[in-house]
Amino acid sequence: MEINWIVIGIVAAVVIVVIVFTIRKNQKEKKKLTDLLNNDFKKAEKKRVDSEDSANEQ
């Protein structure tokens, strides 16, 4: 039985392409999620009034 190196090479190349594609897609999704989490928040309203904060407001 002879080893078919051409088929093994093609399969290895396809596996490498799939891994690279998955890593790139994951990095894009990670960047989108990071931007969303960093920019999508509402400022919490203060329930307690600090004397230092309100002293300078007029």
N, C-alpha and C. Protein backbone atom coordinates (compact mmCIF):
# COMPACT_ATOMS: atom_id res chain seq x y z
N MET A 1 0.85 -1.18 0.00
CA MET A 1 0.00 0.00 0.00
C MET A 1 0.90 1.24 0.00
N GLU A 2 0.63 2.12 -0.92
CA GLU A 2 1.45 3.31 -1.08
C GLU A 2 0.74 4.52 -0.49
N ILE A 3 1.52 5.40 0.12
CA ILE A 3 0.96 6.62 0.71
C ILE A 3 0.78 7.65 -0.40
N ASN A 4 -0.40 8.21 -0.48
CA ASN A 4 -0.69 9.22 -1.50
C ASN A 4 -0.42 10.60 -0.90
N TRP A 5 0.79 11.11 -1.14
CA TRP A 5 1.22 12.38 -0.53
C TRP A 5 0.46 13.57 -1.09
N ILE A 6 0.00 13.49 -2.29
CA ILE A 6 -0.74 14.60 -2.89
C ILE A 6 -2.07 14.80 -2.14
N VAL A 7 -2.77 13.72 -1.85
CA VAL A 7 -4.04 13.82 -1.13
C VAL A 7 -3.80 14.33 0.29
N ILE A 8 -2.77 13.82 0.95
CA ILE A 8 -2.45 14.28 2.31
C ILE A 8 -2.09 15.76 2.29
N GLY A 9 -1.35 16.22 1.29
CA GLY A 9 -0.99 17.64 1.18
C GLY A 9 -2.21 18.52 0.96
N ILE A 10 -3.12 18.08 0.11
CA ILE A 10 -4.34 18.86 -0.14
C ILE A 10 -5.19 18.95 1.12
N VAL A 11 -5.35 17.84 1.81
CA VAL A 11 -6.14 17.84 3.06
C VAL A 11 -5.49 18.74 4.10
N ALA A 12 -4.17 18.68 4.23
CA ALA A 12 -3.46 19.54 5.19
C ALA A 12 -3.64 21.01 4.83
N ALA A 13 -3.57 21.35 3.55
CA ALA A 13 -3.75 22.74 3.12
C ALA A 13 -5.16 23.23 3.42
N VAL A 14 -6.15 22.38 3.18
CA VAL A 14 -7.54 22.76 3.46
C VAL A 14 -7.74 22.98 4.96
N VAL A 15 -7.15 22.12 5.77
CA VAL A 15 -7.26 22.26 7.22
C VAL A 15 -6.63 23.58 7.68
N ILE A 16 -5.48 23.92 7.13
CA ILE A 16 -4.81 25.18 7.50
C ILE A 16 -5.66 26.38 7.08
N VAL A 17 -6.24 26.34 5.89
CA VAL A 17 -7.09 27.44 5.42
C VAL A 17 -8.31 27.59 6.34
N VAL A 18 -8.92 26.50 6.74
CA VAL A 18 -10.08 26.57 7.63
C VAL A 18 -9.69 27.15 8.99
N ILE A 19 -8.55 26.77 9.52
CA ILE A 19 -8.09 27.29 10.81
C ILE A 19 -7.84 28.79 10.71
N VAL A 20 -7.16 29.24 9.65
CA VAL A 20 -6.88 30.67 9.47
C VAL A 20 -8.18 31.45 9.32
N PHE A 21 -9.12 30.94 8.55
CA PHE A 21 -10.41 31.60 8.36
C PHE A 21 -11.15 31.73 9.70
N THR A 22 -11.14 30.68 10.49
CA THR A 22 -11.83 30.70 11.79
C THR A 22 -11.18 31.71 12.73
N ILE A 23 -9.87 31.77 12.75
CA ILE A 23 -9.17 32.71 13.63
C ILE A 23 -9.47 34.15 13.22
N ARG A 24 -9.44 34.44 11.93
CA ARG A 24 -9.74 35.81 11.47
C ARG A 24 -11.16 36.21 11.80
N LYS A 25 -12.11 35.31 11.59
CA LYS A 25 -13.51 35.62 11.89
C LYS A 25 -13.68 35.84 13.39
N ASN A 26 -13.03 35.04 14.19
CA ASN A 26 -13.11 35.19 15.64
C ASN A 26 -12.54 36.53 16.09
N GLN A 27 -11.45 36.97 15.48
CA GLN A 27 -10.85 38.26 15.85
C GLN A 27 -11.79 39.42 15.50
N LYS A 28 -12.47 39.33 14.34
CA LYS A 28 -13.41 40.38 13.96
C LYS A 28 -14.58 40.44 14.94
N GLU A 29 -15.11 39.27 15.30
CA GLU A 29 -16.23 39.22 16.24
C GLU A 29 -15.80 39.71 17.61
N LYS A 30 -14.58 39.40 18.01
CA LYS A 30 -14.07 39.85 19.30
C LYS A 30 -13.97 41.37 19.32
N LYS A 31 -13.50 41.97 18.23
CA LYS A 31 -13.39 43.42 18.14
C LYS A 31 -14.77 44.08 18.20
N LYS A 32 -15.74 43.50 17.47
CA LYS A 32 -17.10 44.05 17.50
C LYS A 32 -17.68 43.98 18.90
N LEU A 33 -17.49 42.85 19.57
CA LEU A 33 -18.03 42.69 20.91
C LEU A 33 -17.36 43.64 21.89
N THR A 34 -16.04 43.81 21.76
CA THR A 34 -15.32 44.72 22.64
C THR A 34 -15.81 46.15 22.45
N ASP A 35 -15.98 46.57 21.20
CA ASP A 35 -16.49 47.92 20.93
C ASP A 35 -17.90 48.09 21.48
N LEU A 36 -18.74 47.09 21.31
CA LEU A 36 -20.10 47.17 21.81
C LEU A 36 -20.12 47.29 23.33
N LEU A 37 -19.34 46.48 24.00
CA LEU A 37 -19.34 46.51 25.46
C LEU A 37 -18.70 47.78 26.01
N ASN A 38 -17.74 48.34 25.30
CA ASN A 38 -17.10 49.56 25.77
C ASN A 38 -17.95 50.81 25.52
N ASN A 39 -18.79 50.78 24.50
CA ASN A 39 -19.53 51.99 24.12
C ASN A 39 -21.02 51.94 24.42
N ASP A 40 -21.55 50.80 24.74
CA ASP A 40 -22.98 50.65 24.93
C ASP A 40 -23.33 50.53 26.41
N PHE A 41 -23.31 51.65 27.09
CA PHE A 41 -23.69 51.64 28.49
C PHE A 41 -24.41 52.94 28.81
N LYS A 42 -25.24 52.88 29.81
CA LYS A 42 -25.94 54.08 30.24
C LYS A 42 -25.33 54.54 31.54
N LYS A 43 -25.17 55.84 31.65
CA LYS A 43 -24.60 56.40 32.85
C LYS A 43 -25.59 56.23 33.99
N ALA A 44 -25.10 55.68 35.07
CA ALA A 44 -25.96 55.42 36.22
C ALA A 44 -26.31 56.75 36.91
N GLU A 45 -27.57 56.88 37.25
CA GLU A 45 -27.98 58.08 37.97
C GLU A 45 -27.60 57.94 39.42
N LYS A 46 -27.12 59.03 39.98
CA LYS A 46 -26.71 58.99 41.38
C LYS A 46 -27.94 59.12 42.27
N LYS A 47 -28.06 58.23 43.19
CA LYS A 47 -29.15 58.28 44.16
C LYS A 47 -28.76 59.16 45.34
N ARG A 48 -27.46 59.14 45.63
CA ARG A 48 -26.96 59.89 46.78
C ARG A 48 -26.22 61.11 46.25
N VAL A 49 -26.43 62.26 46.83
CA VAL A 49 -25.78 63.48 46.40
C VAL A 49 -24.52 63.67 47.23
N ASP A 50 -23.38 63.76 46.54
CA ASP A 50 -22.12 64.01 47.23
C ASP A 50 -21.95 65.51 47.42
N SER A 51 -21.53 65.89 48.59
CA SER A 51 -21.34 67.32 48.86
C SER A 51 -20.22 67.89 48.01
N GLU A 52 -19.22 67.09 47.71
CA GLU A 52 -18.10 67.57 46.90
C GLU A 52 -18.54 67.81 45.45
N ASP A 53 -19.42 66.93 44.94
CA ASP A 53 -19.89 67.09 43.56
C ASP A 53 -20.85 68.26 43.40
N SER A 54 -21.74 68.43 44.36
CA SER A 54 -22.75 69.46 44.23
C SER A 54 -22.25 70.84 44.64
N ALA A 55 -21.13 70.91 45.31
CA ALA A 55 -20.60 72.21 45.77
C ALA A 55 -20.15 73.05 44.59
N ASN A 56 -19.66 72.43 43.55
CA ASN A 56 -19.14 73.18 42.40
C ASN A 56 -20.20 73.44 41.35
N GLU A 57 -21.35 72.82 41.44
CA GLU A 57 -22.41 73.02 40.45
C GLU A 57 -23.27 74.22 40.84
N GLN A 58 -23.60 75.01 39.84
CA GLN A 58 -24.47 76.16 40.12
C GLN A 58 -25.43 76.38 38.99
